[in-house]
Protein backbone atom coordinates (compact mmCIF):
# COMPACT_ATOMS: atom_id res chain seq x y z
CA MET A 1 29.30 172.61 78.17
CA THR A 2 30.73 172.06 81.64
CA ARG A 3 27.32 171.01 82.93
CA VAL A 4 27.13 167.82 80.90
CA LEU A 5 30.76 167.00 81.66
CA THR A 6 29.98 167.37 85.34
CA LEU A 7 27.05 164.96 85.18
CA VAL A 8 28.91 162.40 83.09
CA VAL A 9 31.84 162.48 85.52
CA LEU A 10 29.48 161.87 88.43
CA VAL A 11 27.84 158.98 86.62
CA ALA A 12 31.17 157.45 85.71
CA LEU A 13 32.33 157.63 89.30
CA ALA A 14 29.11 156.03 90.51
CA ALA A 15 29.37 153.25 87.95
CA CYS A 16 33.00 152.51 88.77
CA SER A 17 32.51 152.45 92.52
CA ARG A 18 32.59 148.82 93.62
CA SER A 19 33.08 146.94 96.84
CA THR A 20 36.71 146.00 97.31
CA PRO A 21 37.16 142.24 97.78
CA ALA A 22 37.22 141.50 101.48
CA VAL A 23 40.71 140.07 101.25
CA ALA A 24 42.27 142.90 99.27
CA SER A 25 44.99 144.89 100.97
CA SER A 26 45.18 148.66 100.73
CA GLU A 27 47.73 148.45 97.94
CA SER A 28 45.70 147.15 95.04
CA ALA A 29 42.56 145.38 93.96
CA ALA A 30 42.30 142.85 91.15
CA PRO A 31 45.40 142.71 88.95
CA ALA A 32 45.32 143.59 85.28
CA PRO A 33 47.63 142.50 82.47
CA ALA A 34 50.61 144.76 81.97
CA ALA A 35 49.67 147.87 80.03
CA PRO A 36 51.87 150.39 78.25
CA ALA A 37 52.96 153.21 80.48
CA GLN A 38 53.37 156.77 79.37
CA ALA A 39 56.70 158.42 79.77
CA ALA A 40 57.03 160.97 82.55
CA PRO A 41 56.09 164.43 81.34
CA ALA A 42 58.92 166.77 80.57
CA ALA A 43 59.60 169.61 82.94
CA GLN A 44 57.21 172.45 82.21
CA ALA A 45 57.92 176.15 82.20
CA ALA A 46 56.32 178.15 84.97
CA ALA A 47 52.77 179.15 84.09
CA LYS A 48 51.77 182.80 83.88
CA PRO A 49 50.29 183.82 87.25
CA VAL A 50 46.51 183.72 87.52
CA PRO A 51 45.03 186.69 89.39
CA ALA A 52 43.48 185.94 92.76
CA GLU A 53 40.32 187.78 91.70
CA LEU A 54 39.12 186.73 88.27
CA PRO A 55 37.38 189.18 85.92
CA ASP A 56 33.81 188.36 84.88
CA VAL A 57 35.10 187.20 81.48
CA VAL A 58 38.33 185.20 81.39
CA ALA A 59 38.49 184.48 77.66
CA ARG A 60 36.73 185.07 74.35
CA VAL A 61 36.63 182.47 71.60
CA ASN A 62 35.55 183.97 68.29
CA GLY A 63 33.49 186.47 70.26
CA GLN A 64 31.90 183.91 72.62
CA THR A 65 32.79 184.44 76.25
CA ILE A 66 34.10 182.05 78.84
CA SER A 67 33.13 183.44 82.21
CA ALA A 68 34.90 183.26 85.52
CA GLY A 69 32.01 181.08 86.67
CA ASP A 70 32.64 178.60 83.84
CA LEU A 71 36.30 178.38 84.80
CA GLN A 72 35.64 178.10 88.53
CA GLN A 73 33.05 175.38 87.98
CA ALA A 74 35.44 173.37 85.82
CA VAL A 75 38.24 173.70 88.38
CA GLY A 76 35.79 172.70 91.10
CA GLU A 77 34.89 169.54 89.21
CA LEU A 78 38.57 168.73 88.83
CA GLU A 79 39.04 169.14 92.58
CA ALA A 80 36.00 166.96 93.29
CA ARG A 81 37.39 164.17 91.13
CA ALA A 82 40.82 164.47 92.78
CA GLY A 83 39.29 164.57 96.24
CA GLN A 84 41.35 167.61 97.20
CA GLY A 85 41.78 171.26 96.41
CA VAL A 86 44.28 172.64 93.93
CA PRO A 87 47.68 172.92 95.67
CA PRO A 88 48.59 176.61 95.90
CA ASP A 89 51.98 176.06 94.26
CA GLN A 90 50.25 174.44 91.25
CA ARG A 91 47.27 176.80 90.94
CA ASP A 92 48.57 178.81 87.99
CA ARG A 93 49.43 175.73 85.93
CA ILE A 94 46.23 173.84 86.71
CA VAL A 95 43.85 176.76 86.23
CA ARG A 96 45.45 177.68 82.92
CA GLY A 97 45.32 174.06 81.83
CA VAL A 98 41.60 173.93 82.60
CA LEU A 99 41.08 177.19 80.72
CA ASP A 100 42.90 175.74 77.71
CA GLN A 101 40.49 172.79 77.77
CA LEU A 102 37.47 175.10 77.91
CA ILE A 103 38.81 177.08 74.96
CA ALA A 104 39.48 173.89 72.99
CA TYR A 105 35.96 172.62 73.64
CA ARG A 106 34.45 175.94 72.60
CA LEU A 107 36.43 175.89 69.35
CA LEU A 108 35.29 172.34 68.62
CA ALA A 109 31.67 173.17 69.44
CA GLN A 110 31.74 176.19 67.15
CA GLU A 111 33.27 174.24 64.29
CA SER A 112 30.83 171.34 64.60
CA ALA A 113 27.93 173.82 64.61
CA ALA A 114 29.32 175.59 61.54
CA ARG A 115 29.49 172.26 59.72
CA ARG A 116 25.85 171.57 60.65
CA ILE A 117 26.69 168.05 61.78
CA ALA A 118 23.46 166.15 62.29
CA VAL A 119 22.86 164.03 65.38
CA PRO A 120 19.67 161.95 65.37
CA ASP A 121 17.32 162.45 68.30
CA ALA A 122 17.54 158.71 68.90
CA ASP A 123 21.27 159.03 69.65
CA VAL A 124 20.62 161.80 72.15
CA ASP A 125 17.81 159.78 73.76
CA ALA A 126 20.07 156.74 73.99
CA ARG A 127 22.81 158.71 75.72
CA ILE A 128 20.36 160.20 78.20
CA ALA A 129 18.95 156.76 78.91
CA GLN A 130 22.49 155.48 79.46
CA ILE A 131 23.22 158.25 81.96
CA ARG A 132 19.85 157.79 83.66
CA SER A 133 20.45 154.07 84.07
CA GLN A 134 23.55 154.72 86.17
CA PHE A 135 21.45 156.24 88.94
CA PRO A 136 19.64 153.99 91.41
CA SER A 137 16.37 155.85 90.90
CA GLU A 138 14.70 158.48 88.75
CA GLN A 139 14.45 160.65 91.84
CA GLN A 140 18.20 160.65 92.36
CA PHE A 141 18.76 161.45 88.68
CA THR A 142 16.39 164.42 88.96
CA GLN A 143 17.98 165.55 92.21
CA THR A 144 21.42 165.48 90.60
CA LEU A 145 20.18 167.64 87.74
CA THR A 146 18.75 170.11 90.25
CA GLN A 147 21.92 170.17 92.33
CA ARG A 148 23.93 170.91 89.20
CA LYS A 149 21.46 173.64 88.20
CA MET A 150 20.57 171.73 85.05
CA THR A 151 17.34 170.96 83.26
CA LEU A 152 16.61 167.90 81.18
CA GLU A 153 16.41 170.09 78.07
CA GLY A 154 19.73 171.67 78.94
CA LEU A 155 21.20 168.21 79.31
CA ARG A 156 19.82 167.25 75.90
CA THR A 157 21.41 170.32 74.32
CA ASP A 158 24.79 169.62 75.90
CA ILE A 159 24.69 165.95 74.90
CA ARG A 160 23.80 166.81 71.31
CA GLU A 161 26.71 169.24 71.18
CA GLY A 162 29.08 166.61 72.55
CA LEU A 163 27.89 164.04 70.01
CA GLN A 164 28.36 166.55 67.20
CA ILE A 165 31.94 167.07 68.30
CA ASP A 166 32.52 163.32 68.52
CA LYS A 167 31.27 162.82 64.96
CA MET A 168 33.42 165.65 63.66
CA LEU A 169 36.54 164.34 65.35
CA ASP A 170 35.87 160.84 64.05
CA ALA A 171 35.77 162.24 60.54
CA GLU A 172 38.82 164.43 61.04
CA VAL A 173 41.26 162.29 63.00
CA ALA A 174 40.16 158.63 63.00
CA ALA A 175 41.96 157.71 59.79
CA ARG A 176 45.17 159.44 60.86
CA ALA A 177 45.02 157.73 64.26
CA ALA A 178 45.11 154.23 62.75
CA VAL A 179 47.87 151.93 63.99
CA THR A 180 49.70 149.37 61.86
CA PRO A 181 50.71 145.88 63.08
CA GLU A 182 54.33 146.94 62.63
CA GLN A 183 53.86 149.86 65.04
CA VAL A 184 52.37 147.52 67.63
CA SER A 185 55.27 145.10 67.29
CA ASP A 186 57.79 147.92 67.46
CA PHE A 187 56.27 149.34 70.65
CA TYR A 188 56.22 145.89 72.25
CA ALA A 189 59.88 145.28 71.37
CA LYS A 190 61.02 148.66 72.70
CA ASN A 191 59.16 148.44 76.01
CA PRO A 192 59.87 144.96 77.41
CA ALA A 193 59.56 146.08 81.04
CA GLU A 194 55.90 146.96 80.48
CA PHE A 195 55.02 143.37 79.64
CA GLN A 196 56.49 141.50 82.59
CA GLN A 197 53.96 139.60 84.67
CA ALA A 198 54.76 138.53 88.23
CA GLU A 199 53.86 135.15 89.67
CA ARG A 200 50.11 135.10 90.24
CA VAL A 201 47.27 132.91 91.41
CA HIS A 202 43.66 132.52 90.31
CA ALA A 203 41.60 131.68 93.38
CA SER A 204 38.11 131.64 94.80
CA HIS A 205 37.12 131.98 98.43
CA ILE A 206 34.25 131.68 100.85
CA LEU A 207 34.27 134.28 103.61
CA ILE A 208 32.45 134.11 106.91
CA ARG A 209 32.83 137.58 108.35
CA VAL A 210 33.78 138.56 111.87
CA ALA A 211 32.70 142.09 112.72
CA ASP A 212 35.25 144.57 114.03
CA GLY A 213 35.31 144.42 117.81
CA ALA A 214 33.39 141.14 117.93
CA ASP A 215 33.63 139.28 121.23
CA ALA A 216 34.99 135.76 121.65
CA ALA A 217 31.56 134.17 121.42
CA ALA A 218 30.78 135.83 118.09
CA LYS A 219 34.18 134.85 116.76
CA ASP A 220 33.68 131.24 117.82
CA GLN A 221 30.28 131.22 116.15
CA ALA A 222 31.77 132.47 112.87
CA ARG A 223 34.56 129.89 113.07
CA ALA A 224 32.05 127.09 113.63
CA ARG A 225 29.97 128.22 110.67
CA ALA A 226 33.07 128.39 108.45
CA ALA A 227 34.16 124.94 109.62
CA ASP A 228 30.75 123.54 108.71
CA VAL A 229 31.02 124.98 105.20
CA LEU A 230 34.54 123.59 104.89
CA GLN A 231 33.25 120.14 105.76
CA GLN A 232 30.67 120.45 102.97
CA VAL A 233 33.46 121.37 100.56
CA LYS A 234 35.58 118.40 101.67
CA ALA A 235 32.56 116.13 101.28
CA GLY A 236 32.44 117.02 97.59
CA GLY A 237 30.12 120.00 97.67
CA ASP A 238 30.23 122.39 94.74
CA PHE A 239 32.54 125.22 95.82
CA ALA A 240 30.94 127.90 93.65
CA ALA A 241 27.43 126.98 94.79
CA LEU A 242 28.51 126.99 98.44
CA ALA A 243 30.17 130.38 97.96
CA LYS A 244 26.99 131.84 96.49
CA GLU A 245 25.02 130.45 99.42
CA HIS A 246 27.33 131.17 102.34
CA SER A 247 30.07 133.66 101.47
CA GLN A 248 29.74 137.13 102.98
CA ASP A 249 32.03 138.86 100.49
CA PRO A 250 29.55 140.87 98.37
CA GLY A 251 32.10 141.37 95.61
CA SER A 252 32.88 137.72 94.91
CA ALA A 253 29.98 135.69 96.31
CA PRO A 254 27.69 136.25 93.28
CA LYS A 255 30.53 134.95 91.11
CA GLY A 256 30.92 131.76 93.09
CA GLY A 257 33.70 133.27 95.18
CA ASP A 258 35.90 133.94 92.14
CA LEU A 259 38.56 136.59 92.84
CA GLY A 260 40.31 136.32 89.48
CA PHE A 261 44.09 136.45 89.27
CA PHE A 262 46.19 138.36 91.81
CA ASP A 263 49.89 138.91 92.43
CA ARG A 264 51.82 138.76 95.68
CA GLY A 265 51.25 141.85 97.78
CA GLN A 266 47.64 142.34 96.70
CA MET A 267 45.99 140.33 99.45
CA VAL A 268 46.34 140.36 103.21
CA GLY A 269 49.18 138.20 104.54
CA PRO A 270 47.48 135.00 105.79
CA PHE A 271 45.23 134.85 102.74
CA GLU A 272 48.16 135.36 100.36
CA GLN A 273 50.22 132.68 102.12
CA ALA A 274 47.42 130.15 101.74
CA ALA A 275 46.68 131.02 98.14
CA PHE A 276 50.31 130.73 97.01
CA SER A 277 51.00 127.54 98.97
CA VAL A 278 47.93 125.48 98.01
CA ALA A 279 48.26 123.44 94.81
CA PRO A 280 45.86 124.15 91.92
CA GLY A 281 42.59 122.30 92.30
CA LEU A 282 42.92 122.00 96.07
CA THR A 283 41.28 123.86 98.95
CA SER A 284 42.86 125.34 102.06
CA GLU A 285 41.95 124.77 105.67
CA LEU A 286 40.33 127.72 107.43
CA VAL A 287 42.33 130.93 106.99
CA GLU A 288 41.82 133.65 109.58
CA THR A 289 42.30 137.33 108.67
CA GLN A 290 41.01 140.59 110.10
CA PHE A 291 37.94 140.12 107.91
CA GLY A 292 36.94 136.73 109.29
CA PHE A 293 37.42 133.12 108.21
CA HIS A 294 38.17 132.15 104.61
CA ILE A 295 38.14 128.92 102.68
CA VAL A 296 40.47 129.34 99.71
CA LYS A 297 40.32 127.27 96.54
CA VAL A 298 43.18 127.67 94.08
CA LEU A 299 42.07 127.32 90.49
CA GLU A 300 45.27 128.10 88.60
CA LYS A 301 48.82 129.37 89.09
CA GLN A 302 51.04 131.22 86.65
CA SER A 303 54.78 131.63 87.06
CA ALA A 304 56.45 134.98 86.42
CA ARG A 305 56.75 135.50 82.70
CA ALA A 306 57.00 137.93 79.82
CA ILE A 307 53.51 138.29 78.40
CA PRO A 308 53.48 137.26 74.72
CA LEU A 309 52.66 139.98 72.22
CA GLU A 310 49.53 138.20 71.02
CA GLU A 311 48.02 138.41 74.50
CA VAL A 312 48.41 142.18 74.66
CA ARG A 313 48.23 143.14 71.00
CA ALA A 314 44.73 144.58 71.33
CA GLN A 315 45.70 146.62 74.40
CA VAL A 316 48.81 148.01 72.76
CA GLU A 317 46.89 148.89 69.62
CA GLN A 318 44.21 150.66 71.66
CA TYR A 319 46.87 152.55 73.62
CA LEU A 320 48.70 153.69 70.50
CA GLN A 321 45.44 154.67 68.83
CA GLY A 322 44.61 156.78 71.86
CA GLN A 323 47.99 158.47 71.68
CA ASN A 324 47.60 159.11 67.96
CA ARG A 325 44.08 160.41 68.36
CA GLU A 326 45.14 162.77 71.13
CA ARG A 327 47.97 164.11 68.97
CA GLU A 328 45.78 164.54 65.90
CA THR A 329 42.98 166.12 67.93
CA GLN A 330 45.39 168.64 69.39
CA ALA A 331 46.70 169.44 65.91
CA PHE A 332 43.11 169.96 64.72
CA ILE A 333 42.41 172.28 67.65
CA GLU A 334 45.55 174.27 66.86
CA SER A 335 44.35 174.66 63.28
CA LEU A 336 41.04 176.03 64.56
CA LYS A 337 42.91 178.47 66.78
CA SER A 338 44.99 179.69 63.87
CA LYS A 339 41.85 180.38 61.82
CA GLY A 340 39.91 181.99 64.64
CA LYS A 341 40.42 184.60 67.32
CA VAL A 342 41.10 183.56 70.90
CA ASP A 343 41.60 186.24 73.53
CA ILE A 344 42.76 185.14 76.99
CA LEU A 345 42.00 187.93 79.44
CA ILE A 346 43.86 186.69 82.53
């Protein structure tokens, strides 16, 4: 069970890893419309201490064991995703939380198997192909399987089990997780602060890079090249085409230099100043930052505003559905616990 989760997490991280726009500051990348925020979790009671040395078996779920290795692997994956180890003062809470998740998954896997939920081979093949496609090569995919002590057949088994659980949960909780238009409107009305949008600009840019530590001659050469491109822009050249041809920002150049919308504070100072001072439809002079020389074209500006409900209705509905599904899934898991036998041995 944890093996397939491990691989999927790695794939997701690889897929989501993108080059940050060359003008982005360390605070944020591209802005997103306001999204509902969850309330801060309530204070939790201290977790029961977890022994420093774990027994070989840490839990039994209807007679099936969860080993110390299973638990340690799952905690290790959590640490890898967080980029740091579990803080000692939070070890008991985090380890027990991970163990709860392993128990829940085992209960769901057992129930889906008992119901003999069918998953077509084609669905399993499609999921494997999807995972495989996230890797740059078949060799790297195979190496990752080997590193995770997995086989392709083991991966198929784990994926089938996961798809069985998904189908069961869809049947059990999807209907109860539905959200009405009235619930969406009510959430929007009660959370106005979540739907405030700051002043923002939609801009494109062309970047001619200057390498860190470049000497004066290299800097002058980059400035001359940027000035030549700027002259082509001023002469009526197509900005997007020139960006694709000349810009050295790998994130935006293929999109004609388009950076999307951004708020104040998301870009480095000189770039931000130019973007917010140039009128829509116009292009800046050369803008120098630590990345090099930019030509900024402002496409659109939006004043600070409250985002209308219709613009975020789909997001709010998706958020509320997720909350409902999580609640109903947890209730379903609790019902499985009440019918079964779960022994926690630590």
